[in-house]
Amino acid sequence: MAPLFAYLADPRHRPEWQSSLRRVELLSTKVTGVGTRWRDHTWAGMAPEMRVITHEPQQAWAEEGSWRGLRAFLLMVFVDQGDETDLEISVRMRGTGIWRLPAAGCRDADSRRAARRPRTRRPDPHPAGDLTPAP
């Protein structure tokens, strides 16, 4: 579970698994942990500033961010299942004023983009489900 948490908790990896992102720009000297800040640069042209609000290794990680009238929240809960890890994800997007409809549209567009994005797989450094760090 530790390699999975470390990978997902590092904002620099976000464009690899979040289809709406072009790139991430770190805004803090910290790379992980509560208070880490970065700017998401999305395919839609939005650039929300994000920050880590929960960092409990192998248990939970959460971020919040905002851009203009939009606010977003992501929570990932890591559940140990013996040889596997379940990842429970909660996403909220809220818009105020003229941003109310775009909030729902952004969430839906990200889902559509993820569904049609070609998946390229890297060679698995952990064959047969082994999650020990690769040499």
N, C-alpha and C. Protein backbone atom coordinates (compact mmCIF):
# COMPACT_ATOMS: atom_id res chain seq x y z
N MET A 1 0.82 -1.19 0.00
CA MET A 1 0.00 0.00 0.00
C MET A 1 0.86 1.26 0.00
N ALA A 2 2.05 1.22 0.61
CA ALA A 2 2.90 2.41 0.71
C ALA A 2 3.29 2.97 -0.66
N PRO A 3 3.69 2.12 -1.63
CA PRO A 3 4.03 2.69 -2.95
C PRO A 3 2.84 3.35 -3.63
N LEU A 4 1.65 2.78 -3.48
CA LEU A 4 0.45 3.38 -4.07
C LEU A 4 0.17 4.74 -3.45
N PHE A 5 0.21 4.81 -2.12
CA PHE A 5 -0.04 6.08 -1.44
C PHE A 5 0.99 7.12 -1.87
N ALA A 6 2.27 6.75 -1.88
CA ALA A 6 3.33 7.69 -2.24
C ALA A 6 3.14 8.22 -3.66
N TYR A 7 2.75 7.36 -4.58
CA TYR A 7 2.53 7.76 -5.97
C TYR A 7 1.36 8.73 -6.09
N LEU A 8 0.22 8.38 -5.50
CA LEU A 8 -0.98 9.21 -5.63
C LEU A 8 -0.88 10.50 -4.82
N ALA A 9 -0.11 10.53 -3.74
CA ALA A 9 0.01 11.72 -2.90
C ALA A 9 0.99 12.75 -3.45
N ASP A 10 1.71 12.42 -4.49
CA ASP A 10 2.68 13.34 -5.09
C ASP A 10 2.02 14.05 -6.27
N PRO A 11 1.73 15.34 -6.15
CA PRO A 11 1.02 16.06 -7.22
C PRO A 11 1.72 16.00 -8.58
N ARG A 12 3.02 15.80 -8.59
CA ARG A 12 3.74 15.76 -9.87
C ARG A 12 3.29 14.59 -10.73
N HIS A 13 2.69 13.57 -10.14
CA HIS A 13 2.20 12.41 -10.90
C HIS A 13 0.78 12.60 -11.42
N ARG A 14 0.10 13.65 -11.01
CA ARG A 14 -1.30 13.83 -11.33
C ARG A 14 -1.63 13.73 -12.82
N PRO A 15 -0.88 14.37 -13.71
CA PRO A 15 -1.24 14.27 -15.14
C PRO A 15 -1.19 12.84 -15.68
N GLU A 16 -0.50 11.93 -14.98
CA GLU A 16 -0.42 10.54 -15.41
C GLU A 16 -1.73 9.80 -15.14
N TRP A 17 -2.49 10.26 -14.16
CA TRP A 17 -3.72 9.53 -13.82
C TRP A 17 -4.98 10.38 -13.80
N GLN A 18 -4.86 11.69 -13.92
CA GLN A 18 -6.05 12.55 -13.98
C GLN A 18 -6.16 13.11 -15.39
N SER A 19 -7.13 12.63 -16.13
CA SER A 19 -7.22 12.92 -17.56
C SER A 19 -7.44 14.38 -17.90
N SER A 20 -7.93 15.18 -16.98
CA SER A 20 -8.20 16.59 -17.28
C SER A 20 -6.95 17.47 -17.21
N LEU A 21 -5.84 16.93 -16.74
CA LEU A 21 -4.65 17.75 -16.52
C LEU A 21 -3.64 17.68 -17.66
N ARG A 22 -3.14 18.85 -18.04
CA ARG A 22 -2.00 18.94 -18.96
C ARG A 22 -0.71 18.83 -18.18
N ARG A 23 -0.64 19.62 -17.07
CA ARG A 23 0.56 19.62 -16.25
C ARG A 23 0.24 20.18 -14.87
N VAL A 24 1.21 20.05 -13.97
CA VAL A 24 1.10 20.56 -12.61
C VAL A 24 2.29 21.47 -12.35
N GLU A 25 2.04 22.60 -11.73
CA GLU A 25 3.08 23.56 -11.38
C GLU A 25 3.16 23.65 -9.85
N LEU A 26 4.26 23.19 -9.26
CA LEU A 26 4.40 23.25 -7.81
C LEU A 26 4.53 24.71 -7.37
N LEU A 27 3.84 25.06 -6.29
CA LEU A 27 3.88 26.42 -5.75
C LEU A 27 4.55 26.47 -4.38
N SER A 28 4.81 25.32 -3.80
CA SER A 28 5.46 25.26 -2.49
C SER A 28 6.75 24.46 -2.62
N THR A 29 7.62 24.62 -1.65
CA THR A 29 8.86 23.83 -1.66
C THR A 29 8.59 22.40 -1.24
N LYS A 30 7.49 22.18 -0.49
CA LYS A 30 7.10 20.82 -0.11
C LYS A 30 6.51 20.11 -1.32
N VAL A 31 6.83 18.84 -1.47
CA VAL A 31 6.26 18.05 -2.56
C VAL A 31 5.10 17.21 -2.04
N THR A 32 5.13 16.82 -0.80
CA THR A 32 4.03 16.04 -0.21
C THR A 32 3.75 16.56 1.20
N GLY A 33 2.60 16.20 1.71
CA GLY A 33 2.24 16.56 3.07
C GLY A 33 1.25 17.71 3.12
N VAL A 34 0.61 17.85 4.27
CA VAL A 34 -0.38 18.92 4.47
C VAL A 34 0.28 20.27 4.19
N GLY A 35 -0.41 21.08 3.42
CA GLY A 35 0.11 22.40 3.08
C GLY A 35 0.80 22.47 1.73
N THR A 36 1.10 21.32 1.12
CA THR A 36 1.70 21.31 -0.21
C THR A 36 0.74 22.03 -1.16
N ARG A 37 1.28 22.93 -1.99
CA ARG A 37 0.43 23.70 -2.90
C ARG A 37 0.94 23.55 -4.33
N TRP A 38 0.02 23.55 -5.28
CA TRP A 38 0.36 23.49 -6.69
C TRP A 38 -0.78 24.07 -7.52
N ARG A 39 -0.50 24.31 -8.77
CA ARG A 39 -1.53 24.77 -9.70
C ARG A 39 -1.73 23.69 -10.75
N ASP A 40 -2.98 23.27 -10.92
CA ASP A 40 -3.35 22.34 -11.99
C ASP A 40 -3.54 23.15 -13.27
N HIS A 41 -2.96 22.72 -14.36
CA HIS A 41 -3.20 23.32 -15.66
C HIS A 41 -4.01 22.31 -16.47
N THR A 42 -5.28 22.63 -16.71
CA THR A 42 -6.20 21.67 -17.32
C THR A 42 -6.27 21.85 -18.82
N TRP A 43 -6.78 20.82 -19.48
CA TRP A 43 -7.01 20.87 -20.93
C TRP A 43 -8.07 21.91 -21.27
N ALA A 44 -8.97 22.19 -20.33
CA ALA A 44 -10.05 23.15 -20.57
C ALA A 44 -9.59 24.60 -20.36
N GLY A 45 -8.34 24.80 -19.94
CA GLY A 45 -7.82 26.14 -19.75
C GLY A 45 -7.95 26.69 -18.34
N MET A 46 -8.52 25.92 -17.43
CA MET A 46 -8.61 26.36 -16.04
C MET A 46 -7.28 26.09 -15.34
N ALA A 47 -7.00 26.90 -14.32
CA ALA A 47 -5.74 26.74 -13.58
C ALA A 47 -5.99 26.92 -12.08
N PRO A 48 -6.71 25.97 -11.47
CA PRO A 48 -7.01 26.12 -10.04
C PRO A 48 -5.76 25.92 -9.18
N GLU A 49 -5.73 26.67 -8.08
CA GLU A 49 -4.67 26.47 -7.10
C GLU A 49 -5.17 25.43 -6.11
N MET A 50 -4.36 24.41 -5.88
CA MET A 50 -4.74 23.28 -5.04
C MET A 50 -3.84 23.22 -3.81
N ARG A 51 -4.33 22.57 -2.76
CA ARG A 51 -3.48 22.34 -1.58
C ARG A 51 -3.92 21.07 -0.88
N VAL A 52 -2.95 20.39 -0.29
CA VAL A 52 -3.22 19.17 0.48
C VAL A 52 -3.77 19.58 1.84
N ILE A 53 -4.89 18.98 2.22
CA ILE A 53 -5.49 19.27 3.53
C ILE A 53 -5.49 18.05 4.45
N THR A 54 -5.28 16.86 3.90
CA THR A 54 -5.16 15.63 4.69
C THR A 54 -4.05 14.79 4.10
N HIS A 55 -3.14 14.33 4.93
CA HIS A 55 -2.05 13.46 4.48
C HIS A 55 -1.77 12.48 5.62
N GLU A 56 -2.43 11.33 5.57
CA GLU A 56 -2.27 10.28 6.57
C GLU A 56 -1.79 9.04 5.83
N PRO A 57 -0.46 8.83 5.76
CA PRO A 57 0.10 7.74 4.95
C PRO A 57 -0.61 6.40 5.14
N GLN A 58 -0.90 5.79 3.99
CA GLN A 58 -1.57 4.50 3.90
C GLN A 58 -3.00 4.53 4.44
N GLN A 59 -3.55 5.71 4.70
CA GLN A 59 -4.92 5.80 5.21
C GLN A 59 -5.78 6.75 4.38
N ALA A 60 -5.39 8.02 4.31
CA ALA A 60 -6.24 9.01 3.62
C ALA A 60 -5.41 10.17 3.11
N TRP A 61 -5.88 10.76 2.01
CA TRP A 61 -5.26 11.93 1.41
C TRP A 61 -6.37 12.78 0.82
N ALA A 62 -6.31 14.10 1.04
CA ALA A 62 -7.34 14.98 0.50
C ALA A 62 -6.72 16.29 0.05
N GLU A 63 -7.38 16.88 -0.94
CA GLU A 63 -6.97 18.17 -1.47
C GLU A 63 -8.20 19.04 -1.64
N GLU A 64 -7.98 20.35 -1.67
CA GLU A 64 -9.03 21.28 -2.03
C GLU A 64 -8.41 22.35 -2.91
N GLY A 65 -9.25 22.96 -3.74
CA GLY A 65 -8.73 23.99 -4.61
C GLY A 65 -9.82 24.89 -5.12
N SER A 66 -9.40 25.99 -5.72
CA SER A 66 -10.38 26.92 -6.26
C SER A 66 -9.82 27.65 -7.47
N TRP A 67 -10.73 28.08 -8.32
CA TRP A 67 -10.41 28.89 -9.49
C TRP A 67 -11.65 29.68 -9.83
N ARG A 68 -11.50 31.00 -9.77
CA ARG A 68 -12.64 31.90 -10.00
C ARG A 68 -13.80 31.48 -9.11
N GLY A 69 -14.96 31.14 -9.65
CA GLY A 69 -16.12 30.78 -8.84
C GLY A 69 -16.27 29.29 -8.60
N LEU A 70 -15.24 28.51 -8.91
CA LEU A 70 -15.30 27.06 -8.74
C LEU A 70 -14.47 26.62 -7.54
N ARG A 71 -14.99 25.62 -6.82
CA ARG A 71 -14.24 25.00 -5.72
C ARG A 71 -14.29 23.49 -5.93
N ALA A 72 -13.19 22.83 -5.64
CA ALA A 72 -13.12 21.37 -5.82
C ALA A 72 -12.52 20.73 -4.57
N PHE A 73 -12.94 19.49 -4.34
CA PHE A 73 -12.46 18.71 -3.20
C PHE A 73 -12.31 17.27 -3.65
N LEU A 74 -11.18 16.65 -3.31
CA LEU A 74 -10.93 15.25 -3.62
C LEU A 74 -10.45 14.57 -2.35
N LEU A 75 -11.05 13.42 -2.03
CA LEU A 75 -10.63 12.61 -0.90
C LEU A 75 -10.36 11.20 -1.40
N MET A 76 -9.21 10.65 -1.03
CA MET A 76 -8.88 9.25 -1.33
C MET A 76 -8.66 8.53 -0.01
N VAL A 77 -9.38 7.44 0.20
CA VAL A 77 -9.23 6.62 1.40
C VAL A 77 -8.67 5.27 0.96
N PHE A 78 -7.60 4.85 1.60
CA PHE A 78 -6.90 3.61 1.26
C PHE A 78 -7.33 2.53 2.26
N VAL A 79 -7.88 1.43 1.73
CA VAL A 79 -8.41 0.37 2.58
C VAL A 79 -7.61 -0.90 2.31
N ASP A 80 -6.89 -1.37 3.32
CA ASP A 80 -6.06 -2.57 3.19
C ASP A 80 -6.96 -3.79 3.09
N GLN A 81 -6.74 -4.58 2.03
CA GLN A 81 -7.51 -5.80 1.81
C GLN A 81 -6.56 -7.00 1.75
N GLY A 82 -5.57 -7.01 2.62
CA GLY A 82 -4.60 -8.10 2.62
C GLY A 82 -3.58 -7.90 1.52
N ASP A 83 -3.70 -8.70 0.45
CA ASP A 83 -2.77 -8.60 -0.66
C ASP A 83 -3.10 -7.46 -1.62
N GLU A 84 -4.22 -6.78 -1.41
CA GLU A 84 -4.65 -5.71 -2.30
C GLU A 84 -5.06 -4.49 -1.48
N THR A 85 -5.24 -3.39 -2.18
CA THR A 85 -5.70 -2.15 -1.55
C THR A 85 -6.91 -1.64 -2.32
N ASP A 86 -7.98 -1.37 -1.61
CA ASP A 86 -9.14 -0.70 -2.21
C ASP A 86 -8.92 0.79 -2.04
N LEU A 87 -9.29 1.53 -3.07
CA LEU A 87 -9.17 2.98 -3.04
C LEU A 87 -10.56 3.57 -3.19
N GLU A 88 -11.03 4.23 -2.14
CA GLU A 88 -12.34 4.87 -2.16
C GLU A 88 -12.12 6.34 -2.46
N ILE A 89 -12.80 6.84 -3.50
CA ILE A 89 -12.58 8.21 -3.97
C ILE A 89 -13.87 9.00 -3.90
N SER A 90 -13.77 10.21 -3.38
CA SER A 90 -14.90 11.13 -3.32
C SER A 90 -14.46 12.45 -3.95
N VAL A 91 -15.28 12.94 -4.90
CA VAL A 91 -14.99 14.20 -5.59
C VAL A 91 -16.20 15.11 -5.46
N ARG A 92 -15.95 16.37 -5.11
CA ARG A 92 -17.01 17.37 -5.08
C ARG A 92 -16.54 18.58 -5.86
N MET A 93 -17.40 19.11 -6.70
CA MET A 93 -17.15 20.37 -7.37
C MET A 93 -18.35 21.26 -7.13
N ARG A 94 -18.08 22.48 -6.74
CA ARG A 94 -19.15 23.44 -6.46
C ARG A 94 -18.87 24.71 -7.24
N GLY A 95 -19.93 25.30 -7.73
CA GLY A 95 -19.82 26.57 -8.42
C GLY A 95 -20.78 27.57 -7.82
N THR A 96 -20.38 28.83 -7.81
CA THR A 96 -21.27 29.89 -7.33
C THR A 96 -21.57 30.84 -8.48
N GLY A 97 -22.75 31.42 -8.43
CA GLY A 97 -23.12 32.38 -9.46
C GLY A 97 -23.09 31.76 -10.84
N ILE A 98 -22.43 32.42 -11.76
CA ILE A 98 -22.35 31.93 -13.14
C ILE A 98 -21.53 30.65 -13.27
N TRP A 99 -20.82 30.27 -12.21
CA TRP A 99 -19.97 29.07 -12.24
C TRP A 99 -20.71 27.82 -11.78
N ARG A 100 -21.99 27.95 -11.40
CA ARG A 100 -22.74 26.78 -10.92
C ARG A 100 -22.82 25.68 -11.99
N LEU A 101 -23.23 26.01 -13.20
CA LEU A 101 -23.32 25.01 -14.27
C LEU A 101 -21.95 24.53 -14.74
N PRO A 102 -20.96 25.41 -14.89
CA PRO A 102 -19.64 24.89 -15.30
C PRO A 102 -19.06 23.86 -14.33
N ALA A 103 -19.38 23.95 -13.04
CA ALA A 103 -18.85 22.97 -12.09
C ALA A 103 -19.30 21.56 -12.46
N ALA A 104 -20.58 21.40 -12.75
CA ALA A 104 -21.10 20.08 -13.15
C ALA A 104 -20.52 19.70 -14.50
N GLY A 105 -20.41 20.64 -15.41
CA GLY A 105 -19.87 20.37 -16.74
C GLY A 105 -18.42 19.92 -16.70
N CYS A 106 -17.62 20.54 -15.83
CA CYS A 106 -16.21 20.15 -15.71
C CYS A 106 -16.08 18.72 -15.22
N ARG A 107 -16.87 18.38 -14.23
CA ARG A 107 -16.83 17.02 -13.69
C ARG A 107 -17.23 16.02 -14.76
N ASP A 108 -18.31 16.32 -15.49
CA ASP A 108 -18.79 15.41 -16.53
C ASP A 108 -17.80 15.32 -17.70
N ALA A 109 -17.22 16.45 -18.10
CA ALA A 109 -16.26 16.46 -19.20
C ALA A 109 -15.02 15.65 -18.84
N ASP A 110 -14.57 15.74 -17.59
CA ASP A 110 -13.41 14.96 -17.17
C ASP A 110 -13.71 13.48 -17.26
N SER A 111 -14.93 13.08 -16.89
CA SER A 111 -15.31 11.67 -16.98
C SER A 111 -15.33 11.20 -18.43
N ARG A 112 -15.89 12.03 -19.32
CA ARG A 112 -15.92 11.66 -20.75
C ARG A 112 -14.51 11.57 -21.32
N ARG A 113 -13.65 12.53 -20.98
CA ARG A 113 -12.27 12.52 -21.48
C ARG A 113 -11.53 11.27 -20.99
N ALA A 114 -11.74 10.91 -19.74
CA ALA A 114 -11.08 9.72 -19.20
C ALA A 114 -11.54 8.48 -19.94
N ALA A 115 -12.81 8.43 -20.31
CA ALA A 115 -13.35 7.25 -20.99
C ALA A 115 -12.79 7.09 -22.41
N ARG A 116 -12.48 8.19 -23.10
CA ARG A 116 -12.01 8.06 -24.48
C ARG A 116 -10.50 8.23 -24.64
N ARG A 117 -9.81 8.61 -23.56
CA ARG A 117 -8.37 8.81 -23.62
C ARG A 117 -7.67 7.47 -23.86
N PRO A 118 -6.80 7.41 -24.85
CA PRO A 118 -6.09 6.14 -25.07
C PRO A 118 -5.22 5.81 -23.86
N ARG A 119 -5.30 4.61 -23.45
CA ARG A 119 -4.51 4.16 -22.30
C ARG A 119 -3.22 3.54 -22.79
N THR A 120 -2.12 4.12 -22.37
CA THR A 120 -0.83 3.52 -22.67
C THR A 120 -0.30 2.97 -21.37
N ARG A 121 0.09 1.75 -21.39
CA ARG A 121 0.55 1.11 -20.18
C ARG A 121 2.05 1.01 -20.20
N ARG A 122 2.63 1.34 -19.10
CA ARG A 122 4.07 1.16 -18.92
C ARG A 122 4.30 -0.28 -18.49
N PRO A 123 5.49 -0.81 -18.73
CA PRO A 123 5.77 -2.15 -18.21
C PRO A 123 5.57 -2.16 -16.69
N ASP A 124 4.93 -3.19 -16.21
CA ASP A 124 4.64 -3.29 -14.79
C ASP A 124 5.92 -3.59 -14.01
N PRO A 125 6.38 -2.63 -13.15
CA PRO A 125 7.58 -2.89 -12.37
C PRO A 125 7.32 -3.85 -11.22
N HIS A 126 6.03 -4.19 -11.03
CA HIS A 126 5.64 -5.07 -9.94
C HIS A 126 4.84 -6.24 -10.50
N PRO A 127 5.46 -7.19 -11.20
CA PRO A 127 4.72 -8.28 -11.80
C PRO A 127 3.97 -9.10 -10.74
N ALA A 128 2.88 -9.68 -11.17
CA ALA A 128 2.07 -10.57 -10.32
C ALA A 128 1.58 -9.87 -9.06
N GLY A 129 1.36 -8.55 -9.15
CA GLY A 129 0.79 -7.83 -8.04
C GLY A 129 1.78 -7.48 -6.93
N ASP A 130 3.06 -7.75 -7.10
CA ASP A 130 4.06 -7.44 -6.10
C ASP A 130 4.25 -5.92 -6.06
N LEU A 131 3.98 -5.30 -4.93
CA LEU A 131 4.10 -3.84 -4.82
C LEU A 131 5.33 -3.40 -4.05
N THR A 132 6.32 -4.27 -3.94
CA THR A 132 7.57 -3.82 -3.33
C THR A 132 8.25 -2.90 -4.32
N PRO A 133 9.01 -1.92 -3.84
CA PRO A 133 9.66 -0.98 -4.76
C PRO A 133 10.54 -1.69 -5.78
N ALA A 134 10.42 -1.25 -7.03
CA ALA A 134 11.25 -1.81 -8.10
C ALA A 134 12.69 -1.38 -7.91
N PRO A 135 13.64 -2.21 -8.32
CA PRO A 135 15.07 -1.82 -8.14
C PRO A 135 15.42 -0.63 -9.00
